[in-house]
PDB file of N, CA and C in Angstrom:
ATOM      1  N   MET A   1     -13.030 -16.707 -58.423  1.00  0.00           N
ATOM      2  CA  MET A   1     -11.011 -17.707 -58.617  1.00  0.00           C
ATOM      3  C   MET A   1     -10.816 -16.255 -56.838  1.00  0.00           C
ATOM      4  N   MET A   2     -10.812 -16.966 -56.081  1.00  0.00           N
ATOM      5  CA  MET A   2     -10.697 -16.477 -54.602  1.00  0.00           C
ATOM      6  C   MET A   2      -8.754 -16.809 -54.501  1.00  0.00           C
ATOM      7  N   THR A   3      -7.584 -15.908 -55.219  1.00  0.00           N
ATOM      8  CA  THR A   3      -6.848 -15.857 -54.244  1.00  0.00           C
ATOM      9  C   THR A   3      -6.521 -15.575 -53.027  1.00  0.00           C
ATOM     10  N   GLU A   4      -5.456 -16.496 -51.998  1.00  0.00           N
ATOM     11  CA  GLU A   4      -4.870 -15.943 -50.970  1.00  0.00           C
ATOM     12  C   GLU A   4      -3.930 -15.127 -50.872  1.00  0.00           C
ATOM     13  N   LEU A   5      -3.772 -14.124 -49.585  1.00  0.00           N
ATOM     14  CA  LEU A   5      -2.984 -13.421 -49.332  1.00  0.00           C
ATOM     15  C   LEU A   5      -1.074 -13.505 -49.177  1.00  0.00           C
ATOM     16  N   PRO A   6      -0.337 -13.628 -49.770  1.00  0.00           N
ATOM     17  CA  PRO A   6       0.965 -14.102 -49.106  1.00  0.00           C
ATOM     18  C   PRO A   6       0.883 -13.718 -47.136  1.00  0.00           C
ATOM     19  N   PRO A   7       1.927 -14.434 -46.632  1.00  0.00           N
ATOM     20  CA  PRO A   7       2.223 -14.444 -45.503  1.00  0.00           C
ATOM     21  C   PRO A   7       2.324 -12.744 -45.003  1.00  0.00           C
ATOM     22  N   SER A   8       2.439 -12.110 -45.914  1.00  0.00           N
ATOM     23  CA  SER A   8       3.383 -11.192 -45.765  1.00  0.00           C
ATOM     24  C   SER A   8       1.997 -10.232 -45.741  1.00  0.00           C
ATOM     25  N   ALA A   9       1.285 -10.242 -46.081  1.00  0.00           N
ATOM     26  CA  ALA A   9       0.293  -9.103 -46.854  1.00  0.00           C
ATOM     27  C   ALA A   9      -1.236  -9.144 -45.987  1.00  0.00           C
ATOM     28  N   ALA A  10      -0.792 -10.424 -45.281  1.00  0.00           N
ATOM     29  CA  ALA A  10      -2.092 -10.523 -44.253  1.00  0.00           C
ATOM     30  C   ALA A  10      -2.100  -9.948 -42.846  1.00  0.00           C
ATOM     31  N   GLY A  11      -1.189  -8.987 -42.851  1.00  0.00           N
ATOM     32  CA  GLY A  11      -1.170  -8.027 -41.443  1.00  0.00           C
ATOM     33  C   GLY A  11       0.022  -8.480 -40.963  1.00  0.00           C
ATOM     34  N   PRO A  12       0.528  -8.059 -40.010  1.00  0.00           N
ATOM     35  CA  PRO A  12       1.230  -8.353 -38.635  1.00  0.00           C
ATOM     36  C   PRO A  12       1.158  -9.327 -37.585  1.00  0.00           C
ATOM     37  N   PRO A  13       2.260  -9.998 -37.318  1.00  0.00           N
ATOM     38  CA  PRO A  13       1.559 -11.700 -36.494  1.00  0.00           C
ATOM     39  C   PRO A  13       0.815 -11.201 -35.283  1.00  0.00           C
ATOM     40  N   PRO A  14      -0.282 -12.183 -34.668  1.00  0.00           N
ATOM     41  CA  PRO A  14      -0.979 -11.636 -33.237  1.00  0.00           C
ATOM     42  C   PRO A  14      -0.224 -11.419 -32.130  1.00  0.00           C
ATOM     43  N   ASP A  15      -0.089 -10.486 -31.812  1.00  0.00           N
ATOM     44  CA  ASP A  15       0.416 -10.007 -30.453  1.00  0.00           C
ATOM     45  C   ASP A  15       0.503 -11.187 -29.034  1.00  0.00           C
ATOM     46  N   THR A  16       1.079 -11.522 -28.640  1.00  0.00           N
ATOM     47  CA  THR A  16       1.152 -12.867 -27.764  1.00  0.00           C
ATOM     48  C   THR A  16       2.119 -12.005 -26.289  1.00  0.00           C
ATOM     49  N   THR A  17       1.953 -11.166 -26.245  1.00  0.00           N
ATOM     50  CA  THR A  17       2.701 -10.302 -25.049  1.00  0.00           C
ATOM     51  C   THR A  17       1.661 -10.018 -24.266  1.00  0.00           C
ATOM     52  N   PRO A  18       2.168 -10.307 -23.025  1.00  0.00           N
ATOM     53  CA  PRO A  18       1.186 -10.789 -21.650  1.00  0.00           C
ATOM     54  C   PRO A  18       0.333  -9.000 -21.446  1.00  0.00           C
ATOM     55  N   ARG A  19      -0.602  -8.825 -21.508  1.00  0.00           N
ATOM     56  CA  ARG A  19      -1.352  -7.572 -22.034  1.00  0.00           C
ATOM     57  C   ARG A  19      -0.503  -6.443 -20.449  1.00  0.00           C
ATOM     58  N   ASP A  20      -0.630  -7.907 -19.388  1.00  0.00           N
ATOM     59  CA  ASP A  20      -0.590  -7.188 -17.976  1.00  0.00           C
ATOM     60  C   ASP A  20       0.411  -7.308 -17.333  1.00  0.00           C
ATOM     61  N   GLY A  21       1.962  -7.397 -17.721  1.00  0.00           N
ATOM     62  CA  GLY A  21       3.184  -8.226 -17.448  1.00  0.00           C
ATOM     63  C   GLY A  21       3.445  -7.314 -16.318  1.00  0.00           C
ATOM     64  N   TRP A  22       4.483  -7.663 -15.905  1.00  0.00           N
ATOM     65  CA  TRP A  22       5.234  -7.075 -14.973  1.00  0.00           C
ATOM     66  C   TRP A  22       6.563  -6.941 -14.362  1.00  0.00           C
ATOM     67  N   THR A  23       7.403  -6.138 -13.959  1.00  0.00           N
ATOM     68  CA  THR A  23       8.997  -6.591 -13.721  1.00  0.00           C
ATOM     69  C   THR A  23       9.040  -6.323 -12.365  1.00  0.00           C
ATOM     70  N   THR A  24       8.566  -4.999 -11.582  1.00  0.00           N
ATOM     71  CA  THR A  24       8.666  -4.402 -10.612  1.00  0.00           C
ATOM     72  C   THR A  24       7.478  -4.645 -10.395  1.00  0.00           C
ATOM     73  N   TRP A  25       7.993  -4.860  -8.955  1.00  0.00           N
ATOM     74  CA  TRP A  25       6.779  -5.135  -7.465  1.00  0.00           C
ATOM     75  C   TRP A  25       5.462  -3.796  -7.705  1.00  0.00           C
ATOM     76  N   ARG A  26       6.104  -2.764  -7.737  1.00  0.00           N
ATOM     77  CA  ARG A  26       5.151  -2.118  -8.261  1.00  0.00           C
ATOM     78  C   ARG A  26       3.715  -2.314  -9.086  1.00  0.00           C
ATOM     79  N   GLU A  27       3.980  -2.652 -10.518  1.00  0.00           N
ATOM     80  CA  GLU A  27       3.570  -3.316 -11.492  1.00  0.00           C
ATOM     81  C   GLU A  27       2.549  -4.704 -11.160  1.00  0.00           C
ATOM     82  N   ALA A  28       3.415  -5.253 -10.683  1.00  0.00           N
ATOM     83  CA  ALA A  28       2.946  -6.431  -9.693  1.00  0.00           C
ATOM     84  C   ALA A  28       1.811  -6.302  -9.295  1.00  0.00           C
ATOM     85  N   LEU A  29       1.311  -5.421  -8.291  1.00  0.00           N
ATOM     86  CA  LEU A  29       0.190  -4.849  -7.363  1.00  0.00           C
ATOM     87  C   LEU A  29      -0.572  -4.869  -8.117  1.00  0.00           C
ATOM     88  N   GLY A  30      -0.251  -3.512  -9.261  1.00  0.00           N
ATOM     89  CA  GLY A  30      -1.393  -3.307 -10.360  1.00  0.00           C
ATOM     90  C   GLY A  30      -1.732  -4.079 -11.239  1.00  0.00           C
ATOM     91  N   VAL A  31      -1.310  -5.236 -12.109  1.00  0.00           N
ATOM     92  CA  VAL A  31      -1.827  -7.100 -12.048  1.00  0.00           C
ATOM     93  C   VAL A  31      -2.595  -6.980 -10.881  1.00  0.00           C
ATOM     94  N   VAL A  32      -2.008  -7.305  -9.996  1.00  0.00           N
ATOM     95  CA  VAL A  32      -2.845  -8.393  -9.158  1.00  0.00           C
ATOM     96  C   VAL A  32      -4.593  -8.027  -8.399  1.00  0.00           C
ATOM     97  N   LEU A  33      -4.359  -6.358  -8.610  1.00  0.00           N
ATOM     98  CA  LEU A  33      -5.561  -5.919  -8.223  1.00  0.00           C
ATOM     99  C   LEU A  33      -6.302  -4.840  -9.697  1.00  0.00           C
ATOM    100  N   ALA A  34      -5.449  -5.128 -10.846  1.00  0.00           N
ATOM    101  CA  ALA A  34      -7.427  -4.606 -12.149  1.00  0.00           C
ATOM    102  C   ALA A  34      -7.574  -5.320 -11.662  1.00  0.00           C
ATOM    103  N   PRO A  35      -9.245  -4.866 -11.942  1.00  0.00           N
ATOM    104  CA  PRO A  35     -10.888  -5.148 -11.356  1.00  0.00           C
ATOM    105  C   PRO A  35     -10.902  -7.326 -12.154  1.00  0.00           C
ATOM    106  N   HIS A  36     -10.545  -6.989 -13.600  1.00  0.00           N
ATOM    107  CA  HIS A  36     -10.785  -9.078 -13.833  1.00  0.00           C
ATOM    108  C   HIS A  36     -10.371  -9.210 -13.801  1.00  0.00           C
ATOM    109  N   HIS A  37      -8.936  -9.851 -12.866  1.00  0.00           N
ATOM    110  CA  HIS A  37      -7.491  -9.864 -12.290  1.00  0.00           C
ATOM    111  C   HIS A  37      -8.266 -10.615 -10.680  1.00  0.00           C
ATOM    112  N   LEU A  38      -8.504  -8.998  -9.954  1.00  0.00           N
ATOM    113  CA  LEU A  38      -9.268  -9.501  -8.672  1.00  0.00           C
ATOM    114  C   LEU A  38     -10.487 -10.108  -8.385  1.00  0.00           C
ATOM    115  N   ARG A  39     -11.549  -9.591  -9.325  1.00  0.00           N
ATOM    116  CA  ARG A  39     -12.301 -10.801  -9.619  1.00  0.00           C
ATOM    117  C   ARG A  39     -12.588 -12.457  -9.801  1.00  0.00           C
ATOM    118  N   ALA A  40     -11.342 -12.605 -10.482  1.00  0.00           N
ATOM    119  CA  ALA A  40     -11.325 -14.126 -10.515  1.00  0.00           C
ATOM    120  C   ALA A  40     -10.998 -14.567  -9.547  1.00  0.00           C
ATOM    121  N   THR A  41      -9.625 -13.624  -8.759  1.00  0.00           N
ATOM    122  CA  THR A  41      -9.033 -14.251  -7.755  1.00  0.00           C
ATOM    123  C   THR A  41     -10.146 -14.673  -6.508  1.00  0.00           C
ATOM    124  N   LEU A  42     -11.030 -13.199  -6.074  1.00  0.00           N
ATOM    125  CA  LEU A  42     -11.782 -13.811  -5.670  1.00  0.00           C
ATOM    126  C   LEU A  42     -12.928 -14.911  -5.480  1.00  0.00           C
ATOM    127  N   ALA A  43     -13.036 -14.537  -6.585  1.00  0.00           N
ATOM    128  CA  ALA A  43     -13.769 -16.138  -7.302  1.00  0.00           C
ATOM    129  C   ALA A  43     -13.409 -17.382  -7.097  1.00  0.00           C
ATOM    130  N   ALA A  44     -12.378 -16.882  -7.077  1.00  0.00           N
ATOM    131  CA  ALA A  44     -11.569 -18.747  -7.293  1.00  0.00           C
ATOM    132  C   ALA A  44     -11.421 -18.896  -5.606  1.00  0.00           C
ATOM    133  N   ALA A  45     -11.206 -17.692  -4.705  1.00  0.00           N
ATOM    134  CA  ALA A  45     -11.257 -18.006  -3.194  1.00  0.00           C
ATOM    135  C   ALA A  45     -12.677 -18.161  -2.567  1.00  0.00           C
ATOM    136  N   ALA A  46     -13.616 -17.832  -3.303  1.00  0.00           N
ATOM    137  CA  ALA A  46     -14.841 -18.363  -2.473  1.00  0.00           C
ATOM    138  C   ALA A  46     -15.263 -19.351  -3.044  1.00  0.00           C
ATOM    139  N   ILE A  47     -14.528 -20.032  -3.643  1.00  0.00           N
ATOM    140  CA  ILE A  47     -15.574 -21.418  -3.928  1.00  0.00           C
ATOM    141  C   ILE A  47     -14.448 -22.361  -3.820  1.00  0.00           C
ATOM    142  N   VAL A  48     -13.044 -22.226  -3.619  1.00  0.00           N
ATOM    143  CA  VAL A  48     -12.293 -23.713  -3.367  1.00  0.00           C
ATOM    144  C   VAL A  48     -12.416 -22.508  -1.993  1.00  0.00           C
ATOM    145  N   GLY A  49     -12.660 -21.826  -1.176  1.00  0.00           N
ATOM    146  CA  GLY A  49     -12.187 -21.792   0.098  1.00  0.00           C
ATOM    147  C   GLY A  49     -13.653 -22.340   0.958  1.00  0.00           C
ATOM    148  N   THR A  50     -15.130 -22.400   0.260  1.00  0.00           N
ATOM    149  CA  THR A  50     -16.259 -22.783   0.374  1.00  0.00           C
ATOM    150  C   THR A  50     -16.155 -23.974   0.879  1.00  0.00           C
ATOM    151  N   LEU A  51     -15.532 -24.564  -0.489  1.00  0.00           N
ATOM    152  CA  LEU A  51     -15.332 -26.440  -0.369  1.00  0.00           C
ATOM    153  C   LEU A  51     -14.373 -26.678   0.777  1.00  0.00           C
ATOM    154  N   LEU A  52     -14.188 -25.846   0.906  1.00  0.00           N
ATOM    155  CA  LEU A  52     -12.288 -26.825   1.595  1.00  0.00           C
ATOM    156  C   LEU A  52     -13.146 -26.324   3.206  1.00  0.00           C
ATOM    157  N   LEU A  53     -13.608 -25.270   3.950  1.00  0.00           N
ATOM    158  CA  LEU A  53     -14.554 -25.134   4.771  1.00  0.00           C
ATOM    159  C   LEU A  53     -15.682 -26.277   4.762  1.00  0.00           C
ATOM    160  N   VAL A  54     -16.257 -26.223   3.841  1.00  0.00           N
ATOM    161  CA  VAL A  54     -17.345 -27.630   4.064  1.00  0.00           C
ATOM    162  C   VAL A  54     -16.656 -29.047   4.615  1.00  0.00           C
ATOM    163  N   ILE A  55     -15.548 -29.267   3.918  1.00  0.00           N
ATOM    164  CA  ILE A  55     -14.883 -30.503   3.452  1.00  0.00           C
ATOM    165  C   ILE A  55     -14.116 -30.738   4.796  1.00  0.00           C
ATOM    166  N   ASN A  56     -13.619 -29.411   6.074  1.00  0.00           N
ATOM    167  CA  ASN A  56     -12.816 -30.014   7.272  1.00  0.00           C
ATOM    168  C   ASN A  56     -13.346 -29.321   8.422  1.00  0.00           C
ATOM    169  N   GLN A  57     -14.822 -28.472   7.522  1.00  0.00           N
ATOM    170  CA  GLN A  57     -15.015 -28.003   8.733  1.00  0.00           C
ATOM    171  C   GLN A  57     -16.593 -28.004   9.334  1.00  0.00           C
ATOM    172  N   LEU A  58     -17.410 -28.695   8.357  1.00  0.00           N
ATOM    173  CA  LEU A  58     -18.507 -28.499   8.558  1.00  0.00           C
ATOM    174  C   LEU A  58     -19.331 -29.495   9.665  1.00  0.00           C
ATOM    175  N   ASP A  59     -18.615 -30.237   9.968  1.00  0.00           N
ATOM    176  CA  ASP A  59     -19.156 -30.896  11.478  1.00  0.00           C
ATOM    177  C   ASP A  59     -19.537 -29.796  12.131  1.00  0.00           C
ATOM    178  N   THR A  60     -18.107 -29.592  12.564  1.00  0.00           N
ATOM    179  CA  THR A  60     -17.967 -28.174  13.742  1.00  0.00           C
ATOM    180  C   THR A  60     -18.930 -27.368  14.016  1.00  0.00           C
ATOM    181  N   VAL A  61     -19.459 -27.191  12.423  1.00  0.00           N
ATOM    182  CA  VAL A  61     -20.119 -26.003  12.252  1.00  0.00           C
ATOM    183  C   VAL A  61     -22.061 -26.396  12.665  1.00  0.00           C
ATOM    184  N   LEU A  62     -22.204 -27.003  11.848  1.00  0.00           N
ATOM    185  CA  LEU A  62     -23.880 -28.256  12.610  1.00  0.00           C
ATOM    186  C   LEU A  62     -23.607 -28.664  13.602  1.00  0.00           C
ATOM    187  N   LYS A  63     -22.242 -29.086  14.756  1.00  0.00           N
ATOM    188  CA  LYS A  63     -22.423 -29.017  16.189  1.00  0.00           C
ATOM    189  C   LYS A  63     -22.947 -27.899  16.857  1.00  0.00           C
ATOM    190  N   GLY A  64     -22.183 -26.734  15.964  1.00  0.00           N
ATOM    191  CA  GLY A  64     -22.581 -25.267  16.488  1.00  0.00           C
ATOM    192  C   GLY A  64     -21.410 -25.100  17.339  1.00  0.00           C
ATOM    193  N   GLN A  65     -20.383 -25.432  17.447  1.00  0.00           N
ATOM    194  CA  GLN A  65     -19.513 -24.796  18.596  1.00  0.00           C
ATOM    195  C   GLN A  65     -18.465 -24.220  17.286  1.00  0.00           C
ATOM    196  N   ILE A  66     -19.144 -23.349  16.986  1.00  0.00           N
ATOM    197  CA  ILE A  66     -17.960 -22.000  16.913  1.00  0.00           C
ATOM    198  C   ILE A  66     -17.645 -20.912  17.609  1.00  0.00           C
ATOM    199  N   GLY A  67     -16.104 -21.451  17.602  1.00  0.00           N
ATOM    200  CA  GLY A  67     -15.236 -20.687  18.039  1.00  0.00           C
ATOM    201  C   GLY A  67     -14.462 -19.816  17.716  1.00  0.00           C
ATOM    202  N   LEU A  68     -13.215 -18.509  18.672  1.00  0.00           N
ATOM    203  CA  LEU A  68     -12.918 -18.233  17.804  1.00  0.00           C
ATOM    204  C   LEU A  68     -11.288 -19.098  16.981  1.00  0.00           C
ATOM    205  N   VAL A  69     -10.556 -20.547  17.580  1.00  0.00           N
ATOM    206  CA  VAL A  69     -10.348 -21.317  16.132  1.00  0.00           C
ATOM    207  C   VAL A  69     -10.217 -21.416  15.465  1.00  0.00           C
ATOM    208  N   LEU A  70     -12.026 -21.350  14.795  1.00  0.00           N
ATOM    209  CA  LEU A  70     -12.729 -21.937  13.349  1.00  0.00           C
ATOM    210  C   LEU A  70     -12.894 -20.841  13.698  1.00  0.00           C
ATOM    211  N   LEU A  71     -13.204 -19.720  13.651  1.00  0.00           N
ATOM    212  CA  LEU A  71     -13.296 -18.423  12.239  1.00  0.00           C
ATOM    213  C   LEU A  71     -11.814 -18.337  12.277  1.00  0.00           C
ATOM    214  N   PHE A  72     -11.337 -18.680  12.965  1.00  0.00           N
ATOM    215  CA  PHE A  72      -9.436 -18.171  12.148  1.00  0.00           C
ATOM    216  C   PHE A  72      -9.504 -19.667  11.043  1.00  0.00           C
ATOM    217  N   LYS A  73      -9.585 -20.095  11.282  1.00  0.00           N
ATOM    218  CA  LYS A  73      -9.599 -21.690  10.555  1.00  0.00           C
ATOM    219  C   LYS A  73     -10.283 -21.025   9.302  1.00  0.00           C
ATOM    220  N   ALA A  74     -11.848 -20.076   9.327  1.00  0.00           N
ATOM    221  CA  ALA A  74     -12.434 -19.961   8.419  1.00  0.00           C
ATOM    222  C   ALA A  74     -11.882 -19.153   7.617  1.00  0.00           C
ATOM    223  N   VAL A  75     -11.134 -18.276   7.408  1.00  0.00           N
ATOM    224  CA  VAL A  75     -10.487 -17.316   7.291  1.00  0.00           C
ATOM    225  C   VAL A  75      -9.157 -17.420   6.646  1.00  0.00           C
ATOM    226  N   LEU A  76      -8.543 -18.868   7.014  1.00  0.00           N
ATOM    227  CA  LEU A  76      -8.092 -18.818   6.746  1.00  0.00           C
ATOM    228  C   LEU A  76      -8.394 -20.000   5.287  1.00  0.00           C
ATOM    229  N   HIS A  77      -9.679 -20.063   5.347  1.00  0.00           N
ATOM    230  CA  HIS A  77      -9.546 -21.451   4.640  1.00  0.00           C
ATOM    231  C   HIS A  77      -9.862 -20.494   2.359  1.00  0.00           C
ATOM    232  N   TYR A  78     -10.464 -18.744   2.668  1.00  0.00           N
ATOM    233  CA  TYR A  78     -10.210 -17.919   2.309  1.00  0.00           C
ATOM    234  C   TYR A  78      -9.067 -17.007   1.641  1.00  0.00           C
ATOM    235  N   ILE A  79      -7.992 -17.398   2.536  1.00  0.00           N
ATOM    236  CA  ILE A  79      -7.123 -16.294   2.388  1.00  0.00           C
ATOM    237  C   ILE A  79      -6.407 -17.447   1.497  1.00  0.00           C
ATOM    238  N   VAL A  80      -6.116 -18.747   1.924  1.00  0.00           N
ATOM    239  CA  VAL A  80      -4.605 -19.386   0.978  1.00  0.00           C
ATOM    240  C   VAL A  80      -5.627 -19.808  -0.038  1.00  0.00           C
ATOM    241  N   PRO A  81      -6.915 -19.791  -0.478  1.00  0.00           N
ATOM    242  CA  PRO A  81      -6.638 -19.961  -2.554  1.00  0.00           C
ATOM    243  C   PRO A  81      -6.765 -18.660  -3.089  1.00  0.00           C
ATOM    244  N   PHE A  82      -6.839 -17.393  -2.187  1.00  0.00           N
ATOM    245  CA  PHE A  82      -6.765 -16.358  -2.565  1.00  0.00           C
ATOM    246  C   PHE A  82      -5.551 -15.346  -2.876  1.00  0.00           C
ATOM    247  N   LEU A  83      -4.201 -16.486  -1.823  1.00  0.00           N
ATOM    248  CA  LEU A  83      -2.414 -15.954  -2.276  1.00  0.00           C
ATOM    249  C   LEU A  83      -2.202 -16.851  -3.516  1.00  0.00           C
ATOM    250  N   VAL A  84      -2.856 -17.844  -3.148  1.00  0.00           N
ATOM    251  CA  VAL A  84      -2.589 -18.827  -4.608  1.00  0.00           C
ATOM    252  C   VAL A  84      -2.158 -18.866  -5.653  1.00  0.00           C
ATOM    253  N   SER A  85      -4.162 -18.386  -5.842  1.00  0.00           N
ATOM    254  CA  SER A  85      -5.108 -18.047  -7.283  1.00  0.00           C
ATOM    255  C   SER A  85      -3.654 -16.504  -7.778  1.00  0.00           C
ATOM    256  N   ASN A  86      -3.136 -16.029  -6.369  1.00  0.00           N
ATOM    257  CA  ASN A  86      -2.674 -14.539  -7.139  1.00  0.00           C
ATOM    258  C   ASN A  86      -1.178 -14.988  -7.414  1.00  0.00           C
ATOM    259  N   TYR A  87      -0.867 -16.067  -6.874  1.00  0.00           N
ATOM    260  CA  TYR A  87       0.901 -16.650  -7.337  1.00  0.00           C
ATOM    261  C   TYR A  87       0.776 -16.812  -8.318  1.00  0.00           C
ATOM    262  N   GLY A  88       0.111 -17.956  -8.942  1.00  0.00           N
ATOM    263  CA  GLY A  88      -0.326 -18.315 -10.453  1.00  0.00           C
ATOM    264  C   GLY A  88      -0.545 -17.270 -11.378  1.00  0.00           C
ATOM    265  N   LEU A  89      -0.866 -16.295 -10.536  1.00  0.00           N
ATOM    266  CA  LEU A  89      -0.990 -15.397 -11.784  1.00  0.00           C
ATOM    267  C   LEU A  89      -0.411 -14.552 -11.789  1.00  0.00           C
ATOM    268  N   LEU A  90       0.649 -13.927 -10.590  1.00  0.00           N
ATOM    269  CA  LEU A  90       2.038 -12.952 -11.206  1.00  0.00           C
ATOM    270  C   LEU A  90       2.888 -13.851 -11.637  1.00  0.00           C
ATOM    271  N   ALA A  91       2.798 -15.344 -11.458  1.00  0.00           N
ATOM    272  CA  ALA A  91       3.616 -16.548 -12.213  1.00  0.00           C
ATOM    273  C   ALA A  91       3.476 -16.483 -13.561  1.00  0.00           C
ATOM    274  N   ALA A  92       2.825 -16.469 -14.260  1.00  0.00           N
ATOM    275  CA  ALA A  92       2.234 -15.766 -15.714  1.00  0.00           C
ATOM    276  C   ALA A  92       2.454 -14.827 -16.544  1.00  0.00           C
ATOM    277  N   THR A  93       2.590 -13.531 -15.684  1.00  0.00           N
ATOM    278  CA  THR A  93       2.227 -12.742 -16.478  1.00  0.00           C
ATOM    279  C   THR A  93       3.977 -11.910 -15.378  1.00  0.00           C
ATOM    280  N   ARG A  94       4.658 -12.639 -15.311  1.00  0.00           N
ATOM    281  CA  ARG A  94       6.501 -11.576 -14.762  1.00  0.00           C
ATOM    282  C   ARG A  94       6.885 -11.953 -16.506  1.00  0.00           C
ATOM    283  N   ARG A  95       7.716 -10.710 -16.969  1.00  0.00           N
ATOM    284  CA  ARG A  95       8.213 -10.107 -18.069  1.00  0.00           C
ATOM    285  C   ARG A  95       9.649 -10.850 -17.549  1.00  0.00           C
ATOM    286  N   ARG A  96      10.143 -11.221 -18.373  1.00  0.00           N
ATOM    287  CA  ARG A  96      12.057 -11.550 -17.734  1.00  0.00           C
ATOM    288  C   ARG A  96      12.579  -9.829 -18.087  1.00  0.00           C
ATOM    289  N   ARG A  97      13.784  -8.935 -17.577  1.00  0.00           N
ATOM    290  CA  ARG A  97      13.784  -8.181 -17.387  1.00  0.00           C
ATOM    291  C   ARG A  97      15.099  -8.370 -18.974  1.00  0.00           C
TER     292      ARG A  97
END
């Protein structure tokens, strides 16, 4: 016959605090540059940026009309999702004082 342990004997409750939380901008930079976060935000930027580039500029690329303006727009297609994903990361991991 199995008996269950009372809740107090089952051990401490799981830690629900974020491991990579931040309160200062220096800590925020550490969160953003953490390898597992950087991989995720770069992957999101690559996927979303490519989709945006295809949606917005594929016709221009296929016509061979690649110029400075298109290159600038292409860079923005990747930078904006990278910044947005980092903003979401920072918003989710911010610790209140």
